[in-house]
Amino acid sequence: MGMCFPCFKGSSTDSITPDLEVKRRQQIEAAERRMREQETRGIKDPERFQREKRKKQELERRQEEAEKKYTGERGGQLKWQVE
């Protein structure tokens, strides 16, 4: 039904709405929090997981350096010798 009295309508000054910047900041914070929670979902010991992850990355980096060094000495190509 229609509203007969103006006091029931409410006005734009009565409602408290955060400005756009505050709302964006809150949305960004919520998204970051969800991402952090998603990363640790299903992991019992997150610190151990991070240590193992860093160890694996270090091992991969060392392997790449060793491959570069090895291929750099040989020119990166196979050499054929025919007698």
PDB file of N, CA and C in Angstrom:
ATOM      1  N   MET A   1       0.831  -1.170   0.000  1.00  0.00           N
ATOM      2  CA  MET A   1       0.000   0.000   0.000  1.00  0.00           C
ATOM      3  C   MET A   1       0.883   1.244   0.000  1.00  0.00           C
ATOM      4  N   GLY A   2       0.284   2.357  -0.198  1.00  0.00           N
ATOM      5  CA  GLY A   2       1.003   3.609  -0.243  1.00  0.00           C
ATOM      6  C   GLY A   2       1.341   4.109   1.141  1.00  0.00           C
ATOM      7  N   MET A   3       2.304   4.986   1.211  1.00  0.00           N
ATOM      8  CA  MET A   3       2.709   5.574   2.481  1.00  0.00           C
ATOM      9  C   MET A   3       2.028   6.924   2.621  1.00  0.00           C
ATOM     10  N   CYS A   4       1.338   7.071   3.711  1.00  0.00           N
ATOM     11  CA  CYS A   4       0.599   8.309   3.910  1.00  0.00           C
ATOM     12  C   CYS A   4       1.412   9.357   4.639  1.00  0.00           C
ATOM     13  N   PHE A   5       2.312   8.929   5.472  1.00  0.00           N
ATOM     14  CA  PHE A   5       3.040   9.866   6.311  1.00  0.00           C
ATOM     15  C   PHE A   5       4.494   9.970   5.852  1.00  0.00           C
ATOM     16  N   PRO A   6       5.030  11.181   5.776  1.00  0.00           N
ATOM     17  CA  PRO A   6       6.405  11.348   5.317  1.00  0.00           C
ATOM     18  C   PRO A   6       7.429  10.803   6.305  1.00  0.00           C
ATOM     19  N   CYS A   7       7.069  10.622   7.557  1.00  0.00           N
ATOM     20  CA  CYS A   7       8.047  10.146   8.530  1.00  0.00           C
ATOM     21  C   CYS A   7       8.371   8.663   8.322  1.00  0.00           C
ATOM     22  N   PHE A   8       7.525   7.929   7.604  1.00  0.00           N
ATOM     23  CA  PHE A   8       7.789   6.518   7.355  1.00  0.00           C
ATOM     24  C   PHE A   8       8.661   6.290   6.129  1.00  0.00           C
ATOM     25  N   LYS A   9       8.790   7.295   5.285  1.00  0.00           N
ATOM     26  CA  LYS A   9       9.561   7.137   4.059  1.00  0.00           C
ATOM     27  C   LYS A   9      11.058   7.054   4.319  1.00  0.00           C
ATOM     28  N   GLY A  10      11.536   7.806   5.236  1.00  0.00           N
ATOM     29  CA  GLY A  10      12.971   7.872   5.457  1.00  0.00           C
ATOM     30  C   GLY A  10      13.594   8.803   4.443  1.00  0.00           C
ATOM     31  N   SER A  11      14.760   9.276   4.729  1.00  0.00           N
ATOM     32  CA  SER A  11      15.426  10.173   3.800  1.00  0.00           C
ATOM     33  C   SER A  11      16.832   9.675   3.531  1.00  0.00           C
ATOM     34  N   SER A  12      17.447  10.252   2.541  1.00  0.00           N
ATOM     35  CA  SER A  12      18.789   9.830   2.170  1.00  0.00           C
ATOM     36  C   SER A  12      19.814  10.205   3.244  1.00  0.00           C
ATOM     37  N   THR A  13      19.525  11.202   4.036  1.00  0.00           N
ATOM     38  CA  THR A  13      20.465  11.600   5.082  1.00  0.00           C
ATOM     39  C   THR A  13      20.359  10.695   6.301  1.00  0.00           C
ATOM     40  N   ASP A  14      19.237   9.985   6.445  1.00  0.00           N
ATOM     41  CA  ASP A  14      19.067   9.103   7.597  1.00  0.00           C
ATOM     42  C   ASP A  14      19.912   7.835   7.474  1.00  0.00           C
ATOM     43  N   SER A  15      20.052   7.311   6.275  1.00  0.00           N
ATOM     44  CA  SER A  15      20.791   6.058   6.112  1.00  0.00           C
ATOM     45  C   SER A  15      22.294   6.363   6.071  1.00  0.00           C
ATOM     46  N   ILE A  16      23.046   5.535   6.754  1.00  0.00           N
ATOM     47  CA  ILE A  16      24.496   5.690   6.806  1.00  0.00           C
ATOM     48  C   ILE A  16      25.099   4.682   5.841  1.00  0.00           C
ATOM     49  N   THR A  17      25.674   5.173   4.757  1.00  0.00           N
ATOM     50  CA  THR A  17      26.317   4.300   3.788  1.00  0.00           C
ATOM     51  C   THR A  17      27.776   4.704   3.680  1.00  0.00           C
ATOM     52  N   PRO A  18      28.662   3.718   3.644  1.00  0.00           N
ATOM     53  CA  PRO A  18      30.079   4.066   3.498  1.00  0.00           C
ATOM     54  C   PRO A  18      30.338   4.599   2.095  1.00  0.00           C
ATOM     55  N   ASP A  19      31.277   5.516   2.005  1.00  0.00           N
ATOM     56  CA  ASP A  19      31.585   6.051   0.685  1.00  0.00           C
ATOM     57  C   ASP A  19      32.278   4.972  -0.152  1.00  0.00           C
ATOM     58  N   LEU A  20      32.450   5.233  -1.410  1.00  0.00           N
ATOM     59  CA  LEU A  20      32.959   4.220  -2.336  1.00  0.00           C
ATOM     60  C   LEU A  20      34.372   3.758  -1.995  1.00  0.00           C
ATOM     61  N   GLU A  21      35.230   4.676  -1.563  1.00  0.00           N
ATOM     62  CA  GLU A  21      36.611   4.303  -1.234  1.00  0.00           C
ATOM     63  C   GLU A  21      36.652   3.323  -0.068  1.00  0.00           C
ATOM     64  N   VAL A  22      35.856   3.581   0.963  1.00  0.00           N
ATOM     65  CA  VAL A  22      35.820   2.701   2.125  1.00  0.00           C
ATOM     66  C   VAL A  22      35.279   1.330   1.716  1.00  0.00           C
ATOM     67  N   LYS A  23      34.258   1.337   0.905  1.00  0.00           N
ATOM     68  CA  LYS A  23      33.652   0.091   0.454  1.00  0.00           C
ATOM     69  C   LYS A  23      34.642  -0.714  -0.387  1.00  0.00           C
ATOM     70  N   ARG A  24      35.361  -0.065  -1.280  1.00  0.00           N
ATOM     71  CA  ARG A  24      36.374  -0.751  -2.103  1.00  0.00           C
ATOM     72  C   ARG A  24      37.479  -1.339  -1.232  1.00  0.00           C
ATOM     73  N   ARG A  25      37.944  -0.568  -0.263  1.00  0.00           N
ATOM     74  CA  ARG A  25      38.998  -1.054   0.619  1.00  0.00           C
ATOM     75  C   ARG A  25      38.536  -2.290   1.379  1.00  0.00           C
ATOM     76  N   GLN A  26      37.291  -2.266   1.869  1.00  0.00           N
ATOM     77  CA  GLN A  26      36.759  -3.419   2.592  1.00  0.00           C
ATOM     78  C   GLN A  26      36.641  -4.629   1.676  1.00  0.00           C
ATOM     79  N   GLN A  27      36.238  -4.412   0.433  1.00  0.00           N
ATOM     80  CA  GLN A  27      36.139  -5.521  -0.509  1.00  0.00           C
ATOM     81  C   GLN A  27      37.501  -6.112  -0.821  1.00  0.00           C
ATOM     82  N   ILE A  28      38.513  -5.269  -0.964  1.00  0.00           N
ATOM     83  CA  ILE A  28      39.872  -5.739  -1.230  1.00  0.00           C
ATOM     84  C   ILE A  28      40.385  -6.554  -0.048  1.00  0.00           C
ATOM     85  N   GLU A  29      40.172  -6.052   1.156  1.00  0.00           N
ATOM     86  CA  GLU A  29      40.608  -6.775   2.351  1.00  0.00           C
ATOM     87  C   GLU A  29      39.912  -8.126   2.452  1.00  0.00           C
ATOM     88  N   ALA A  30      38.629  -8.179   2.158  1.00  0.00           N
ATOM     89  CA  ALA A  30      37.889  -9.430   2.216  1.00  0.00           C
ATOM     90  C   ALA A  30      38.407 -10.415   1.162  1.00  0.00           C
ATOM     91  N   ALA A  31      38.717  -9.927  -0.020  1.00  0.00           N
ATOM     92  CA  ALA A  31      39.239 -10.794  -1.076  1.00  0.00           C
ATOM     93  C   ALA A  31      40.603 -11.355  -0.685  1.00  0.00           C
ATOM     94  N   GLU A  32      41.465 -10.512  -0.114  1.00  0.00           N
ATOM     95  CA  GLU A  32      42.782 -10.983   0.326  1.00  0.00           C
ATOM     96  C   GLU A  32      42.651 -12.020   1.435  1.00  0.00           C
ATOM     97  N   ARG A  33      41.728 -11.780   2.364  1.00  0.00           N
ATOM     98  CA  ARG A  33      41.510 -12.736   3.449  1.00  0.00           C
ATOM     99  C   ARG A  33      41.019 -14.082   2.902  1.00  0.00           C
ATOM    100  N   ARG A  34      40.113 -14.049   1.929  1.00  0.00           N
ATOM    101  CA  ARG A  34      39.629 -15.293   1.321  1.00  0.00           C
ATOM    102  C   ARG A  34      40.755 -16.035   0.610  1.00  0.00           C
ATOM    103  N   MET A  35      41.641 -15.288  -0.054  1.00  0.00           N
ATOM    104  CA  MET A  35      42.764 -15.930  -0.747  1.00  0.00           C
ATOM    105  C   MET A  35      43.693 -16.606   0.249  1.00  0.00           C
ATOM    106  N   ARG A  36      43.995 -15.936   1.378  1.00  0.00           N
ATOM    107  CA  ARG A  36      44.847 -16.541   2.395  1.00  0.00           C
ATOM    108  C   ARG A  36      44.210 -17.800   2.969  1.00  0.00           C
ATOM    109  N   GLU A  37      42.916 -17.748   3.217  1.00  0.00           N
ATOM    110  CA  GLU A  37      42.212 -18.914   3.750  1.00  0.00           C
ATOM    111  C   GLU A  37      42.212 -20.058   2.735  1.00  0.00           C
ATOM    112  N   GLN A  38      42.068 -19.729   1.468  1.00  0.00           N
ATOM    113  CA  GLN A  38      42.049 -20.754   0.420  1.00  0.00           C
ATOM    114  C   GLN A  38      43.406 -21.440   0.308  1.00  0.00           C
ATOM    115  N   GLU A  39      44.487 -20.678   0.470  1.00  0.00           N
ATOM    116  CA  GLU A  39      45.826 -21.248   0.377  1.00  0.00           C
ATOM    117  C   GLU A  39      46.090 -22.259   1.482  1.00  0.00           C
ATOM    118  N   THR A  40      45.558 -22.027   2.663  1.00  0.00           N
ATOM    119  CA  THR A  40      45.835 -22.914   3.793  1.00  0.00           C
ATOM    120  C   THR A  40      44.743 -23.960   4.009  1.00  0.00           C
ATOM    121  N   ARG A  41      43.753 -23.997   3.151  1.00  0.00           N
ATOM    122  CA  ARG A  41      42.663 -24.963   3.308  1.00  0.00           C
ATOM    123  C   ARG A  41      43.204 -26.385   3.153  1.00  0.00           C
ATOM    124  N   GLY A  42      42.926 -27.221   4.133  1.00  0.00           N
ATOM    125  CA  GLY A  42      43.326 -28.621   4.081  1.00  0.00           C
ATOM    126  C   GLY A  42      44.745 -28.876   4.554  1.00  0.00           C
ATOM    127  N   ILE A  43      45.446 -27.867   5.023  1.00  0.00           N
ATOM    128  CA  ILE A  43      46.827 -28.031   5.482  1.00  0.00           C
ATOM    129  C   ILE A  43      46.827 -27.981   6.999  1.00  0.00           C
ATOM    130  N   LYS A  44      47.322 -29.055   7.618  1.00  0.00           N
ATOM    131  CA  LYS A  44      47.332 -29.104   9.076  1.00  0.00           C
ATOM    132  C   LYS A  44      48.403 -28.201   9.667  1.00  0.00           C
ATOM    133  N   ASP A  45      49.577 -28.176   9.040  1.00  0.00           N
ATOM    134  CA  ASP A  45      50.693 -27.378   9.548  1.00  0.00           C
ATOM    135  C   ASP A  45      51.163 -26.417   8.449  1.00  0.00           C
ATOM    136  N   PRO A  46      50.610 -25.201   8.391  1.00  0.00           N
ATOM    137  CA  PRO A  46      50.967 -24.275   7.311  1.00  0.00           C
ATOM    138  C   PRO A  46      52.441 -23.868   7.318  1.00  0.00           C
ATOM    139  N   GLU A  47      53.055 -23.761   8.480  1.00  0.00           N
ATOM    140  CA  GLU A  47      54.468 -23.378   8.543  1.00  0.00           C
ATOM    141  C   GLU A  47      55.345 -24.451   7.902  1.00  0.00           C
ATOM    142  N   ARG A  48      55.059 -25.700   8.195  1.00  0.00           N
ATOM    143  CA  ARG A  48      55.820 -26.807   7.607  1.00  0.00           C
ATOM    144  C   ARG A  48      55.638 -26.821   6.094  1.00  0.00           C
ATOM    145  N   PHE A  49      54.419 -26.577   5.654  1.00  0.00           N
ATOM    146  CA  PHE A  49      54.138 -26.533   4.223  1.00  0.00           C
ATOM    147  C   PHE A  49      54.958 -25.434   3.548  1.00  0.00           C
ATOM    148  N   GLN A  50      55.036 -24.249   4.160  1.00  0.00           N
ATOM    149  CA  GLN A  50      55.810 -23.149   3.583  1.00  0.00           C
ATOM    150  C   GLN A  50      57.301 -23.482   3.539  1.00  0.00           C
ATOM    151  N   ARG A  51      57.815 -24.134   4.608  1.00  0.00           N
ATOM    152  CA  ARG A  51      59.229 -24.532   4.605  1.00  0.00           C
ATOM    153  C   ARG A  51      59.520 -25.507   3.478  1.00  0.00           C
ATOM    154  N   GLU A  52      58.663 -26.491   3.306  1.00  0.00           N
ATOM    155  CA  GLU A  52      58.859 -27.475   2.245  1.00  0.00           C
ATOM    156  C   GLU A  52      58.751 -26.830   0.871  1.00  0.00           C
ATOM    157  N   LYS A  53      57.857 -25.874   0.742  1.00  0.00           N
ATOM    158  CA  LYS A  53      57.691 -25.163  -0.523  1.00  0.00           C
ATOM    159  C   LYS A  53      58.956 -24.374  -0.867  1.00  0.00           C
ATOM    160  N   ARG A  54      59.509 -23.652   0.131  1.00  0.00           N
ATOM    161  CA  ARG A  54      60.754 -22.901  -0.097  1.00  0.00           C
ATOM    162  C   ARG A  54      61.900 -23.847  -0.432  1.00  0.00           C
ATOM    163  N   LYS A  55      61.974 -24.991   0.254  1.00  0.00           N
ATOM    164  CA  LYS A  55      63.035 -25.969   0.011  1.00  0.00           C
ATOM    165  C   LYS A  55      62.934 -26.508  -1.420  1.00  0.00           C
ATOM    166  N   LYS A  56      61.721 -26.786  -1.868  1.00  0.00           N
ATOM    167  CA  LYS A  56      61.506 -27.284  -3.219  1.00  0.00           C
ATOM    168  C   LYS A  56      61.902 -26.233  -4.255  1.00  0.00           C
ATOM    169  N   GLN A  57      61.558 -24.976  -4.018  1.00  0.00           N
ATOM    170  CA  GLN A  57      61.917 -23.904  -4.940  1.00  0.00           C
ATOM    171  C   GLN A  57      63.430 -23.732  -5.015  1.00  0.00           C
ATOM    172  N   GLU A  58      64.096 -23.832  -3.881  1.00  0.00           N
ATOM    173  CA  GLU A  58      65.553 -23.718  -3.857  1.00  0.00           C
ATOM    174  C   GLU A  58      66.190 -24.861  -4.639  1.00  0.00           C
ATOM    175  N   LEU A  59      65.672 -26.065  -4.470  1.00  0.00           N
ATOM    176  CA  LEU A  59      66.194 -27.223  -5.196  1.00  0.00           C
ATOM    177  C   LEU A  59      66.002 -27.038  -6.701  1.00  0.00           C
ATOM    178  N   GLU A  60      64.835 -26.571  -7.114  1.00  0.00           N
ATOM    179  CA  GLU A  60      64.588 -26.330  -8.535  1.00  0.00           C
ATOM    180  C   GLU A  60      65.525 -25.257  -9.080  1.00  0.00           C
ATOM    181  N   ARG A  61      65.750 -24.208  -8.297  1.00  0.00           N
ATOM    182  CA  ARG A  61      66.662 -23.148  -8.736  1.00  0.00           C
ATOM    183  C   ARG A  61      68.075 -23.685  -8.926  1.00  0.00           C
ATOM    184  N   ARG A  62      68.529 -24.515  -7.992  1.00  0.00           N
ATOM    185  CA  ARG A  62      69.873 -25.101  -8.105  1.00  0.00           C
ATOM    186  C   ARG A  62      69.977 -26.017  -9.315  1.00  0.00           C
ATOM    187  N   GLN A  63      68.925 -26.782  -9.582  1.00  0.00           N
ATOM    188  CA  GLN A  63      68.941 -27.657 -10.751  1.00  0.00           C
ATOM    189  C   GLN A  63      69.017 -26.850 -12.037  1.00  0.00           C
ATOM    190  N   GLU A  64      68.279 -25.747 -12.106  1.00  0.00           N
ATOM    191  CA  GLU A  64      68.325 -24.894 -13.297  1.00  0.00           C
ATOM    192  C   GLU A  64      69.715 -24.298 -13.481  1.00  0.00           C
ATOM    193  N   GLU A  65      70.349 -23.860 -12.389  1.00  0.00           N
ATOM    194  CA  GLU A  65      71.701 -23.306 -12.479  1.00  0.00           C
ATOM    195  C   GLU A  65      72.688 -24.368 -12.950  1.00  0.00           C
ATOM    196  N   ALA A  66      72.542 -25.586 -12.442  1.00  0.00           N
ATOM    197  CA  ALA A  66      73.433 -26.665 -12.847  1.00  0.00           C
ATOM    198  C   ALA A  66      73.245 -26.993 -14.328  1.00  0.00           C
ATOM    199  N   GLU A  67      72.003 -26.983 -14.796  1.00  0.00           N
ATOM    200  CA  GLU A  67      71.752 -27.255 -16.208  1.00  0.00           C
ATOM    201  C   GLU A  67      72.366 -26.167 -17.084  1.00  0.00           C
ATOM    202  N   LYS A  68      72.226 -24.911 -16.664  1.00  0.00           N
ATOM    203  CA  LYS A  68      72.809 -23.810 -17.433  1.00  0.00           C
ATOM    204  C   LYS A  68      74.321 -23.935 -17.493  1.00  0.00           C
ATOM    205  N   LYS A  69      74.911 -24.285 -16.376  1.00  0.00           N
ATOM    206  CA  LYS A  69      76.362 -24.423 -16.320  1.00  0.00           C
ATOM    207  C   LYS A  69      76.817 -25.576 -17.200  1.00  0.00           C
ATOM    208  N   TYR A  70      76.110 -26.681 -17.127  1.00  0.00           N
ATOM    209  CA  TYR A  70      76.483 -27.859 -17.903  1.00  0.00           C
ATOM    210  C   TYR A  70      76.316 -27.607 -19.393  1.00  0.00           C
ATOM    211  N   THR A  71      75.213 -27.024 -19.804  1.00  0.00           N
ATOM    212  CA  THR A  71      74.992 -26.762 -21.222  1.00  0.00           C
ATOM    213  C   THR A  71      75.883 -25.627 -21.710  1.00  0.00           C
ATOM    214  N   GLY A  72      76.285 -24.733 -20.836  1.00  0.00           N
ATOM    215  CA  GLY A  72      77.164 -23.640 -21.227  1.00  0.00           C
ATOM    216  C   GLY A  72      78.558 -24.132 -21.566  1.00  0.00           C
ATOM    217  N   GLU A  73      79.039 -25.159 -20.874  1.00  0.00           N
ATOM    218  CA  GLU A  73      80.374 -25.698 -21.141  1.00  0.00           C
ATOM    219  C   GLU A  73      80.400 -26.438 -22.470  1.00  0.00           C
ATOM    220  N   ARG A  74      79.315 -27.077 -22.828  1.00  0.00           N
ATOM    221  CA  ARG A  74      79.284 -27.882 -24.041  1.00  0.00           C
ATOM    222  C   ARG A  74      78.677 -27.125 -25.208  1.00  0.00           C
ATOM    223  N   GLY A  75      78.285 -25.908 -24.998  1.00  0.00           N
ATOM    224  CA  GLY A  75      77.707 -25.140 -26.076  1.00  0.00           C
ATOM    225  C   GLY A  75      76.225 -25.374 -26.240  1.00  0.00           C
ATOM    226  N   GLY A  76      75.638 -26.219 -25.420  1.00  0.00           N
ATOM    227  CA  GLY A  76      74.215 -26.458 -25.481  1.00  0.00           C
ATOM    228  C   GLY A  76      73.779 -27.346 -26.630  1.00  0.00           C
ATOM    229  N   GLN A  77      74.723 -27.914 -27.387  1.00  0.00           N
ATOM    230  CA  GLN A  77      74.362 -28.756 -28.522  1.00  0.00           C
ATOM    231  C   GLN A  77      75.107 -30.077 -28.432  1.00  0.00           C
ATOM    232  N   LEU A  78      74.519 -31.079 -29.056  1.00  0.00           N
ATOM    233  CA  LEU A  78      75.190 -32.363 -29.122  1.00  0.00           C
ATOM    234  C   LEU A  78      76.246 -32.324 -30.204  1.00  0.00           C
ATOM    235  N   LYS A  79      77.348 -33.024 -29.955  1.00  0.00           N
ATOM    236  CA  LYS A  79      78.416 -33.069 -30.961  1.00  0.00           C
ATOM    237  C   LYS A  79      78.531 -34.493 -31.478  1.00  0.00           C
ATOM    238  N   TRP A  80      78.544 -34.609 -32.777  1.00  0.00           N
ATOM    239  CA  TRP A  80      78.633 -35.912 -33.396  1.00  0.00           C
ATOM    240  C   TRP A  80      80.042 -36.127 -33.935  1.00  0.00           C
ATOM    241  N   GLN A  81      80.515 -37.327 -33.736  1.00  0.00           N
ATOM    242  CA  GLN A  81      81.827 -37.677 -34.277  1.00  0.00           C
ATOM    243  C   GLN A  81      81.646 -38.924 -35.142  1.00  0.00           C
ATOM    244  N   VAL A  82      82.097 -38.811 -36.381  1.00  0.00           N
ATOM    245  CA  VAL A  82      81.982 -39.934 -37.287  1.00  0.00           C
ATOM    246  C   VAL A  82      83.394 -40.323 -37.698  1.00  0.00           C
ATOM    247  N   GLU A  83      83.679 -41.616 -37.567  1.00  0.00           N
ATOM    248  CA  GLU A  83      85.027 -42.089 -37.922  1.00  0.00           C
ATOM    249  C   GLU A  83      85.016 -42.863 -39.202  1.00  0.00           C
TER     250      GLU A  83
END
